[in-house]
């Protein structure tokens, strides 16, 4: 299992992708929200999720950035997509 580097900044692109920026090099990585699995919050400032078979850990260093809000946004969009495709709530 591979873990990604930590990220300091994050951006949500409307409906399909979340984009995180790596702290030291400011490299951008996009994640398709519907493919994220096992999303959860650790220690209030760390958002973790799996994409395919890799574990990603996103750390928010700014005290006003909420990992929980990100988690809720991801779960909301995944549920909305499932309902639109299958007519079934998760």
PDB file of N, CA and C in Angstrom:
ATOM      1  N   UNK A   1       0.839  -1.164   0.000  1.00  0.00           N
ATOM      2  CA  UNK A   1       0.000   0.000   0.000  1.00  0.00           C
ATOM      3  C   UNK A   1       0.893   1.239   0.000  1.00  0.00           C
ATOM      4  N   UNK A   2       0.623   2.142  -0.886  1.00  0.00           N
ATOM      5  CA  UNK A   2       1.436   3.342  -1.074  1.00  0.00           C
ATOM      6  C   UNK A   2       0.711   4.547  -0.490  1.00  0.00           C
ATOM      7  N   UNK A   3       1.435   5.410   0.204  1.00  0.00           N
ATOM      8  CA  UNK A   3       0.859   6.620   0.775  1.00  0.00           C
ATOM      9  C   UNK A   3       1.430   7.830   0.060  1.00  0.00           C
ATOM     10  N   UNK A   4       0.568   8.787  -0.237  1.00  0.00           N
ATOM     11  CA  UNK A   4       1.009   9.990  -0.943  1.00  0.00           C
ATOM     12  C   UNK A   4       1.690  10.955   0.017  1.00  0.00           C
ATOM     13  N   UNK A   5       2.406  11.937  -0.527  1.00  0.00           N
ATOM     14  CA  UNK A   5       2.943  13.004   0.329  1.00  0.00           C
ATOM     15  C   UNK A   5       1.803  13.854   0.880  1.00  0.00           C
ATOM     16  N   UNK A   6       2.108  14.658   1.868  1.00  0.00           N
ATOM     17  CA  UNK A   6       1.093  15.524   2.460  1.00  0.00           C
ATOM     18  C   UNK A   6       0.842  16.737   1.576  1.00  0.00           C
ATOM     19  N   UNK A   7      -0.346  17.271   1.696  1.00  0.00           N
ATOM     20  CA  UNK A   7      -0.756  18.412   0.891  1.00  0.00           C
ATOM     21  C   UNK A   7      -1.145  19.556   1.812  1.00  0.00           C
ATOM     22  N   UNK A   8      -0.890  20.786   1.384  1.00  0.00           N
ATOM     23  CA  UNK A   8      -1.231  21.948   2.194  1.00  0.00           C
ATOM     24  C   UNK A   8      -2.427  22.722   1.667  1.00  0.00           C
ATOM     25  N   UNK A   9      -2.619  22.769   0.385  1.00  0.00           N
ATOM     26  CA  UNK A   9      -3.713  23.542  -0.186  1.00  0.00           C
ATOM     27  C   UNK A   9      -4.627  22.591  -0.952  1.00  0.00           C
ATOM     28  N   UNK A  10      -5.874  22.972  -1.058  1.00  0.00           N
ATOM     29  CA  UNK A  10      -6.818  22.117  -1.758  1.00  0.00           C
ATOM     30  C   UNK A  10      -7.849  22.973  -2.488  1.00  0.00           C
ATOM     31  N   UNK A  11      -8.428  22.385  -3.532  1.00  0.00           N
ATOM     32  CA  UNK A  11      -9.437  23.095  -4.316  1.00  0.00           C
ATOM     33  C   UNK A  11     -10.435  22.054  -4.824  1.00  0.00           C
ATOM     34  N   UNK A  12     -11.702  22.434  -4.844  1.00  0.00           N
ATOM     35  CA  UNK A  12     -12.760  21.549  -5.310  1.00  0.00           C
ATOM     36  C   UNK A  12     -13.261  22.080  -6.641  1.00  0.00           C
ATOM     37  N   UNK A  13     -13.150  21.267  -7.692  1.00  0.00           N
ATOM     38  CA  UNK A  13     -13.555  21.684  -9.032  1.00  0.00           C
ATOM     39  C   UNK A  13     -14.989  21.269  -9.312  1.00  0.00           C
ATOM     40  N   UNK A  14     -15.923  22.069  -8.857  1.00  0.00           N
ATOM     41  CA  UNK A  14     -17.316  21.850  -9.188  1.00  0.00           C
ATOM     42  C   UNK A  14     -17.832  20.472  -8.854  1.00  0.00           C
ATOM     43  N   UNK A  15     -18.070  19.655  -9.868  1.00  0.00           N
ATOM     44  CA  UNK A  15     -18.817  18.433  -9.645  1.00  0.00           C
ATOM     45  C   UNK A  15     -18.024  17.141  -9.767  1.00  0.00           C
ATOM     46  N   UNK A  16     -16.859  17.143 -10.373  1.00  0.00           N
ATOM     47  CA  UNK A  16     -16.263  15.854 -10.682  1.00  0.00           C
ATOM     48  C   UNK A  16     -14.910  15.578 -10.056  1.00  0.00           C
ATOM     49  N   UNK A  17     -14.145  16.595  -9.735  1.00  0.00           N
ATOM     50  CA  UNK A  17     -12.793  16.360  -9.239  1.00  0.00           C
ATOM     51  C   UNK A  17     -12.465  17.244  -8.043  1.00  0.00           C
ATOM     52  N   UNK A  18     -11.601  16.700  -7.193  1.00  0.00           N
ATOM     53  CA  UNK A  18     -10.983  17.488  -6.136  1.00  0.00           C
ATOM     54  C   UNK A  18      -9.512  17.593  -6.497  1.00  0.00           C
ATOM     55  N   UNK A  19      -8.928  18.741  -6.251  1.00  0.00           N
ATOM     56  CA  UNK A  19      -7.540  18.965  -6.610  1.00  0.00           C
ATOM     57  C   UNK A  19      -6.767  19.388  -5.368  1.00  0.00           C
ATOM     58  N   UNK A  20      -5.649  18.712  -5.114  1.00  0.00           N
ATOM     59  CA  UNK A  20      -4.822  19.029  -3.960  1.00  0.00           C
ATOM     60  C   UNK A  20      -3.436  19.438  -4.431  1.00  0.00           C
ATOM     61  N   UNK A  21      -2.830  20.374  -3.723  1.00  0.00           N
ATOM     62  CA  UNK A  21      -1.513  20.891  -4.077  1.00  0.00           C
ATOM     63  C   UNK A  21      -0.497  20.435  -3.039  1.00  0.00           C
ATOM     64  N   UNK A  22       0.573  19.783  -3.505  1.00  0.00           N
ATOM     65  CA  UNK A  22       1.604  19.286  -2.605  1.00  0.00           C
ATOM     66  C   UNK A  22       2.371  20.458  -2.016  1.00  0.00           C
ATOM     67  N   UNK A  23       2.606  20.432  -0.712  1.00  0.00           N
ATOM     68  CA  UNK A  23       3.193  21.547   0.019  1.00  0.00           C
ATOM     69  C   UNK A  23       4.532  22.049  -0.485  1.00  0.00           C
ATOM     70  N   UNK A  24       5.568  21.228  -0.507  1.00  0.00           N
ATOM     71  CA  UNK A  24       6.909  21.712  -0.821  1.00  0.00           C
ATOM     72  C   UNK A  24       7.089  22.105  -2.281  1.00  0.00           C
ATOM     73  N   UNK A  25       6.532  21.349  -3.191  1.00  0.00           N
ATOM     74  CA  UNK A  25       6.737  21.586  -4.620  1.00  0.00           C
ATOM     75  C   UNK A  25       5.532  22.219  -5.301  1.00  0.00           C
ATOM     76  N   UNK A  26       4.426  22.350  -4.564  1.00  0.00           N
ATOM     77  CA  UNK A  26       3.199  22.930  -5.084  1.00  0.00           C
ATOM     78  C   UNK A  26       2.723  22.233  -6.360  1.00  0.00           C
ATOM     79  N   UNK A  27       2.872  20.914  -6.391  1.00  0.00           N
ATOM     80  CA  UNK A  27       2.407  20.124  -7.525  1.00  0.00           C
ATOM     81  C   UNK A  27       0.932  19.804  -7.348  1.00  0.00           C
ATOM     82  N   UNK A  28       0.179  19.938  -8.414  1.00  0.00           N
ATOM     83  CA  UNK A  28      -1.260  19.702  -8.364  1.00  0.00           C
ATOM     84  C   UNK A  28      -1.574  18.264  -8.759  1.00  0.00           C
ATOM     85  N   UNK A  29      -2.483  17.642  -8.013  1.00  0.00           N
ATOM     86  CA  UNK A  29      -2.951  16.307  -8.359  1.00  0.00           C
ATOM     87  C   UNK A  29      -4.463  16.299  -8.263  1.00  0.00           C
ATOM     88  N   UNK A  30      -5.124  15.829  -9.324  1.00  0.00           N
ATOM     89  CA  UNK A  30      -6.581  15.780  -9.375  1.00  0.00           C
ATOM     90  C   UNK A  30      -7.077  14.380  -9.056  1.00  0.00           C
ATOM     91  N   UNK A  31      -8.213  14.316  -8.358  1.00  0.00           N
ATOM     92  CA  UNK A  31      -8.805  13.043  -7.983  1.00  0.00           C
ATOM     93  C   UNK A  31     -10.267  13.023  -8.413  1.00  0.00           C
ATOM     94  N   UNK A  32     -10.682  12.022  -9.191  1.00  0.00           N
ATOM     95  CA  UNK A  32     -12.101  11.908  -9.549  1.00  0.00           C
ATOM     96  C   UNK A  32     -12.899  11.465  -8.319  1.00  0.00           C
ATOM     97  N   UNK A  33     -13.813  12.278  -7.875  1.00  0.00           N
ATOM     98  CA  UNK A  33     -14.517  12.052  -6.619  1.00  0.00           C
ATOM     99  C   UNK A  33     -15.271  10.727  -6.599  1.00  0.00           C
ATOM    100  N   UNK A  34     -15.882  10.346  -7.701  1.00  0.00           N
ATOM    101  CA  UNK A  34     -16.665   9.108  -7.697  1.00  0.00           C
ATOM    102  C   UNK A  34     -15.802   7.868  -7.527  1.00  0.00           C
ATOM    103  N   UNK A  35     -14.504   7.970  -7.767  1.00  0.00           N
ATOM    104  CA  UNK A  35     -13.617   6.811  -7.629  1.00  0.00           C
ATOM    105  C   UNK A  35     -12.928   6.735  -6.270  1.00  0.00           C
ATOM    106  N   UNK A  36     -13.140   7.736  -5.408  1.00  0.00           N
ATOM    107  CA  UNK A  36     -12.533   7.715  -4.083  1.00  0.00           C
ATOM    108  C   UNK A  36     -13.269   6.713  -3.211  1.00  0.00           C
ATOM    109  N   UNK A  37     -12.521   5.993  -2.391  1.00  0.00           N
ATOM    110  CA  UNK A  37     -13.110   4.959  -1.549  1.00  0.00           C
ATOM    111  C   UNK A  37     -12.555   5.077  -0.132  1.00  0.00           C
ATOM    112  N   UNK A  38     -13.375   4.758   0.852  1.00  0.00           N
ATOM    113  CA  UNK A  38     -12.923   4.728   2.236  1.00  0.00           C
ATOM    114  C   UNK A  38     -12.532   6.076   2.801  1.00  0.00           C
ATOM    115  N   UNK A  39     -13.147   7.140   2.326  1.00  0.00           N
ATOM    116  CA  UNK A  39     -12.790   8.480   2.801  1.00  0.00           C
ATOM    117  C   UNK A  39     -13.137   8.628   4.279  1.00  0.00           C
ATOM    118  N   UNK A  40     -12.197   9.195   5.056  1.00  0.00           N
ATOM    119  CA  UNK A  40     -12.429   9.433   6.479  1.00  0.00           C
ATOM    120  C   UNK A  40     -11.500  10.537   6.972  1.00  0.00           C
ATOM    121  N   UNK A  41     -11.807  11.052   8.157  1.00  0.00           N
ATOM    122  CA  UNK A  41     -11.009  12.114   8.772  1.00  0.00           C
ATOM    123  C   UNK A  41     -10.228  11.532   9.940  1.00  0.00           C
ATOM    124  N   UNK A  42      -8.946  11.869  10.014  1.00  0.00           N
ATOM    125  CA  UNK A  42      -8.075  11.453  11.107  1.00  0.00           C
ATOM    126  C   UNK A  42      -7.548  12.699  11.815  1.00  0.00           C
ATOM    127  N   UNK A  43      -7.604  12.715  13.124  1.00  0.00           N
ATOM    128  CA  UNK A  43      -7.025  13.792  13.951  1.00  0.00           C
ATOM    129  C   UNK A  43      -7.495  15.185  13.528  1.00  0.00           C
ATOM    130  N   UNK A  44      -8.696  15.340  13.080  1.00  0.00           N
ATOM    131  CA  UNK A  44      -9.349  16.615  12.735  1.00  0.00           C
ATOM    132  C   UNK A  44      -8.789  17.359  11.534  1.00  0.00           C
ATOM    133  N   UNK A  45      -7.550  17.132  11.145  1.00  0.00           N
ATOM    134  CA  UNK A  45      -6.985  17.916  10.041  1.00  0.00           C
ATOM    135  C   UNK A  45      -6.439  17.044   8.918  1.00  0.00           C
ATOM    136  N   UNK A  46      -6.719  15.772   8.942  1.00  0.00           N
ATOM    137  CA  UNK A  46      -6.187  14.853   7.926  1.00  0.00           C
ATOM    138  C   UNK A  46      -7.341  14.113   7.251  1.00  0.00           C
ATOM    139  N   UNK A  47      -7.438  14.266   5.947  1.00  0.00           N
ATOM    140  CA  UNK A  47      -8.425  13.558   5.141  1.00  0.00           C
ATOM    141  C   UNK A  47      -7.710  12.407   4.446  1.00  0.00           C
ATOM    142  N   UNK A  48      -8.180  11.194   4.665  1.00  0.00           N
ATOM    143  CA  UNK A  48      -7.575  10.028   4.025  1.00  0.00           C
ATOM    144  C   UNK A  48      -8.597   9.350   3.132  1.00  0.00           C
ATOM    145  N   UNK A  49      -8.115   8.811   2.021  1.00  0.00           N
ATOM    146  CA  UNK A  49      -8.981   8.074   1.113  1.00  0.00           C
ATOM    147  C   UNK A  49      -8.124   7.178   0.233  1.00  0.00           C
ATOM    148  N   UNK A  50      -8.777   6.195  -0.360  1.00  0.00           N
ATOM    149  CA  UNK A  50      -8.117   5.308  -1.323  1.00  0.00           C
ATOM    150  C   UNK A  50      -8.561   5.695  -2.726  1.00  0.00           C
ATOM    151  N   UNK A  51      -7.627   5.633  -3.642  1.00  0.00           N
ATOM    152  CA  UNK A  51      -7.919   5.756  -5.064  1.00  0.00           C
ATOM    153  C   UNK A  51      -7.219   4.593  -5.726  1.00  0.00           C
ATOM    154  N   UNK A  52      -8.028   3.712  -6.305  1.00  0.00           N
ATOM    155  CA  UNK A  52      -7.533   2.444  -6.799  1.00  0.00           C
ATOM    156  C   UNK A  52      -6.892   1.727  -5.612  1.00  0.00           C
ATOM    157  N   UNK A  53      -5.650   1.385  -5.588  1.00  0.00           N
ATOM    158  CA  UNK A  53      -5.103   0.678  -4.431  1.00  0.00           C
ATOM    159  C   UNK A  53      -4.109   1.516  -3.636  1.00  0.00           C
ATOM    160  N   UNK A  54      -4.116   2.826  -3.843  1.00  0.00           N
ATOM    161  CA  UNK A  54      -3.203   3.712  -3.132  1.00  0.00           C
ATOM    162  C   UNK A  54      -3.953   4.508  -2.067  1.00  0.00           C
ATOM    163  N   UNK A  55      -3.341   4.626  -0.899  1.00  0.00           N
ATOM    164  CA  UNK A  55      -3.890   5.429   0.184  1.00  0.00           C
ATOM    165  C   UNK A  55      -3.318   6.838   0.081  1.00  0.00           C
ATOM    166  N   UNK A  56      -4.200   7.835   0.123  1.00  0.00           N
ATOM    167  CA  UNK A  56      -3.781   9.229   0.102  1.00  0.00           C
ATOM    168  C   UNK A  56      -4.152   9.861   1.431  1.00  0.00           C
ATOM    169  N   UNK A  57      -3.251  10.646   1.962  1.00  0.00           N
ATOM    170  CA  UNK A  57      -3.467  11.347   3.215  1.00  0.00           C
ATOM    171  C   UNK A  57      -3.260  12.834   2.966  1.00  0.00           C
ATOM    172  N   UNK A  58      -4.318  13.608   3.078  1.00  0.00           N
ATOM    173  CA  UNK A  58      -4.268  15.045   2.825  1.00  0.00           C
ATOM    174  C   UNK A  58      -4.294  15.758   4.167  1.00  0.00           C
ATOM    175  N   UNK A  59      -3.216  16.479   4.478  1.00  0.00           N
ATOM    176  CA  UNK A  59      -3.120  17.185   5.749  1.00  0.00           C
ATOM    177  C   UNK A  59      -3.358  18.668   5.507  1.00  0.00           C
ATOM    178  N   UNK A  60      -4.292  19.239   6.254  1.00  0.00           N
ATOM    179  CA  UNK A  60      -4.589  20.661   6.164  1.00  0.00           C
ATOM    180  C   UNK A  60      -3.897  21.362   7.321  1.00  0.00           C
ATOM    181  N   UNK A  61      -2.922  22.218   7.010  1.00  0.00           N
ATOM    182  CA  UNK A  61      -2.150  22.879   8.041  1.00  0.00           C
ATOM    183  C   UNK A  61      -2.794  24.170   8.538  1.00  0.00           C
ATOM    184  N   UNK A  62      -3.652  24.767   7.732  1.00  0.00           N
ATOM    185  CA  UNK A  62      -4.324  26.002   8.133  1.00  0.00           C
ATOM    186  C   UNK A  62      -5.446  25.649   9.111  1.00  0.00           C
ATOM    187  N   UNK A  63      -5.524  26.307  10.266  1.00  0.00           N
ATOM    188  CA  UNK A  63      -6.516  25.922  11.279  1.00  0.00           C
ATOM    189  C   UNK A  63      -7.969  26.137  10.861  1.00  0.00           C
ATOM    190  N   UNK A  64      -8.213  26.947   9.847  1.00  0.00           N
ATOM    191  CA  UNK A  64      -9.585  27.210   9.421  1.00  0.00           C
ATOM    192  C   UNK A  64     -10.027  26.332   8.254  1.00  0.00           C
ATOM    193  N   UNK A  65      -9.177  25.434   7.805  1.00  0.00           N
ATOM    194  CA  UNK A  65      -9.559  24.505   6.747  1.00  0.00           C
ATOM    195  C   UNK A  65     -10.054  23.231   7.407  1.00  0.00           C
ATOM    196  N   UNK A  66     -11.252  22.828   7.065  1.00  0.00           N
ATOM    197  CA  UNK A  66     -11.888  21.702   7.718  1.00  0.00           C
ATOM    198  C   UNK A  66     -11.800  20.438   6.864  1.00  0.00           C
ATOM    199  N   UNK A  67     -11.112  19.427   7.372  1.00  0.00           N
ATOM    200  CA  UNK A  67     -11.077  18.129   6.695  1.00  0.00           C
ATOM    201  C   UNK A  67     -12.471  17.505   6.705  1.00  0.00           C
ATOM    202  N   UNK A  68     -13.231  17.774   7.755  1.00  0.00           N
ATOM    203  CA  UNK A  68     -14.587  17.235   7.852  1.00  0.00           C
ATOM    204  C   UNK A  68     -15.492  17.792   6.750  1.00  0.00           C
ATOM    205  N   UNK A  69     -15.358  19.077   6.422  1.00  0.00           N
ATOM    206  CA  UNK A  69     -16.151  19.645   5.319  1.00  0.00           C
ATOM    207  C   UNK A  69     -15.804  18.981   4.000  1.00  0.00           C
ATOM    208  N   UNK A  70     -14.510  18.709   3.791  1.00  0.00           N
ATOM    209  CA  UNK A  70     -14.100  18.009   2.579  1.00  0.00           C
ATOM    210  C   UNK A  70     -14.714  16.614   2.529  1.00  0.00           C
ATOM    211  N   UNK A  71     -14.684  15.925   3.643  1.00  0.00           N
ATOM    212  CA  UNK A  71     -15.269  14.588   3.710  1.00  0.00           C
ATOM    213  C   UNK A  71     -16.757  14.644   3.375  1.00  0.00           C
ATOM    214  N   UNK A  72     -17.470  15.586   3.979  1.00  0.00           N
ATOM    215  CA  UNK A  72     -18.904  15.709   3.720  1.00  0.00           C
ATOM    216  C   UNK A  72     -19.181  16.044   2.257  1.00  0.00           C
ATOM    217  N   UNK A  73     -18.367  16.879   1.648  1.00  0.00           N
ATOM    218  CA  UNK A  73     -18.532  17.217   0.224  1.00  0.00           C
ATOM    219  C   UNK A  73     -18.332  15.992  -0.657  1.00  0.00           C
ATOM    220  N   UNK A  74     -17.302  15.223  -0.359  1.00  0.00           N
ATOM    221  CA  UNK A  74     -17.030  14.004  -1.132  1.00  0.00           C
ATOM    222  C   UNK A  74     -18.181  13.020  -1.008  1.00  0.00           C
ATOM    223  N   UNK A  75     -18.631  12.769   0.224  1.00  0.00           N
ATOM    224  CA  UNK A  75     -19.722  11.822   0.440  1.00  0.00           C
ATOM    225  C   UNK A  75     -21.024  12.291  -0.199  1.00  0.00           C
ATOM    226  N   UNK A  76     -21.304  13.594  -0.111  1.00  0.00           N
ATOM    227  CA  UNK A  76     -22.512  14.142  -0.728  1.00  0.00           C
ATOM    228  C   UNK A  76     -22.486  13.926  -2.244  1.00  0.00           C
ATOM    229  N   UNK A  77     -21.371  14.256  -2.875  1.00  0.00           N
ATOM    230  CA  UNK A  77     -21.295  14.106  -4.325  1.00  0.00           C
ATOM    231  C   UNK A  77     -21.395  12.646  -4.741  1.00  0.00           C
ATOM    232  N   UNK A  78     -20.748  11.742  -4.000  1.00  0.00           N
ATOM    233  CA  UNK A  78     -20.819  10.320  -4.336  1.00  0.00           C
ATOM    234  C   UNK A  78     -22.254   9.805  -4.219  1.00  0.00           C
ATOM    235  N   UNK A  79     -22.946  10.239  -3.174  1.00  0.00           N
ATOM    236  CA  UNK A  79     -24.342   9.820  -3.003  1.00  0.00           C
ATOM    237  C   UNK A  79     -25.228  10.398  -4.099  1.00  0.00           C
ATOM    238  N   UNK A  80     -25.008  11.649  -4.447  1.00  0.00           N
ATOM    239  CA  UNK A  80     -25.776  12.293  -5.516  1.00  0.00           C
ATOM    240  C   UNK A  80     -25.566  11.573  -6.842  1.00  0.00           C
ATOM    241  N   UNK A  81     -24.320  11.224  -7.164  1.00  0.00           N
ATOM    242  CA  UNK A  81     -24.026  10.507  -8.403  1.00  0.00           C
ATOM    243  C   UNK A  81     -24.696   9.135  -8.421  1.00  0.00           C
ATOM    244  N   UNK A  82     -24.636   8.421  -7.299  1.00  0.00           N
ATOM    245  CA  UNK A  82     -25.253   7.093  -7.223  1.00  0.00           C
ATOM    246  C   UNK A  82     -26.763   7.197  -7.428  1.00  0.00           C
ATOM    247  N   UNK A  83     -27.383   8.213  -6.840  1.00  0.00           N
ATOM    248  CA  UNK A  83     -28.824   8.386  -6.990  1.00  0.00           C
ATOM    249  C   UNK A  83     -29.192   8.729  -8.430  1.00  0.00           C
ATOM    250  N   UNK A  84     -28.407   9.604  -9.066  1.00  0.00           N
ATOM    251  CA  UNK A  84     -28.689   9.984 -10.449  1.00  0.00           C
ATOM    252  C   UNK A  84     -28.519   8.801 -11.401  1.00  0.00           C
ATOM    253  N   UNK A  85     -27.539   7.927 -11.127  1.00  0.00           N
ATOM    254  CA  UNK A  85     -27.280   6.797 -12.017  1.00  0.00           C
ATOM    255  C   UNK A  85     -28.217   5.624 -11.770  1.00  0.00           C
ATOM    256  N   UNK A  86     -28.474   5.313 -10.484  1.00  0.00           N
ATOM    257  CA  UNK A  86     -29.232   4.103 -10.152  1.00  0.00           C
ATOM    258  C   UNK A  86     -30.595   4.374  -9.519  1.00  0.00           C
ATOM    259  N   UNK A  87     -30.835   5.606  -9.107  1.00  0.00           N
ATOM    260  CA  UNK A  87     -32.077   5.908  -8.402  1.00  0.00           C
ATOM    261  C   UNK A  87     -32.078   5.365  -6.983  1.00  0.00           C
ATOM    262  N   UNK A  88     -30.896   5.046  -6.445  1.00  0.00           N
ATOM    263  CA  UNK A  88     -30.787   4.467  -5.107  1.00  0.00           C
ATOM    264  C   UNK A  88     -29.843   5.328  -4.277  1.00  0.00           C
ATOM    265  N   UNK A  89     -30.275   5.651  -3.045  1.00  0.00           N
ATOM    266  CA  UNK A  89     -29.393   6.374  -2.137  1.00  0.00           C
ATOM    267  C   UNK A  89     -28.430   5.399  -1.502  1.00  0.00           C
ATOM    268  N   UNK A  90     -27.193   5.843  -1.271  1.00  0.00           N
ATOM    269  CA  UNK A  90     -26.196   4.984  -0.616  1.00  0.00           C
ATOM    270  C   UNK A  90     -26.490   4.799   0.843  1.00  0.00           C
TER     271      UNK A  90
END
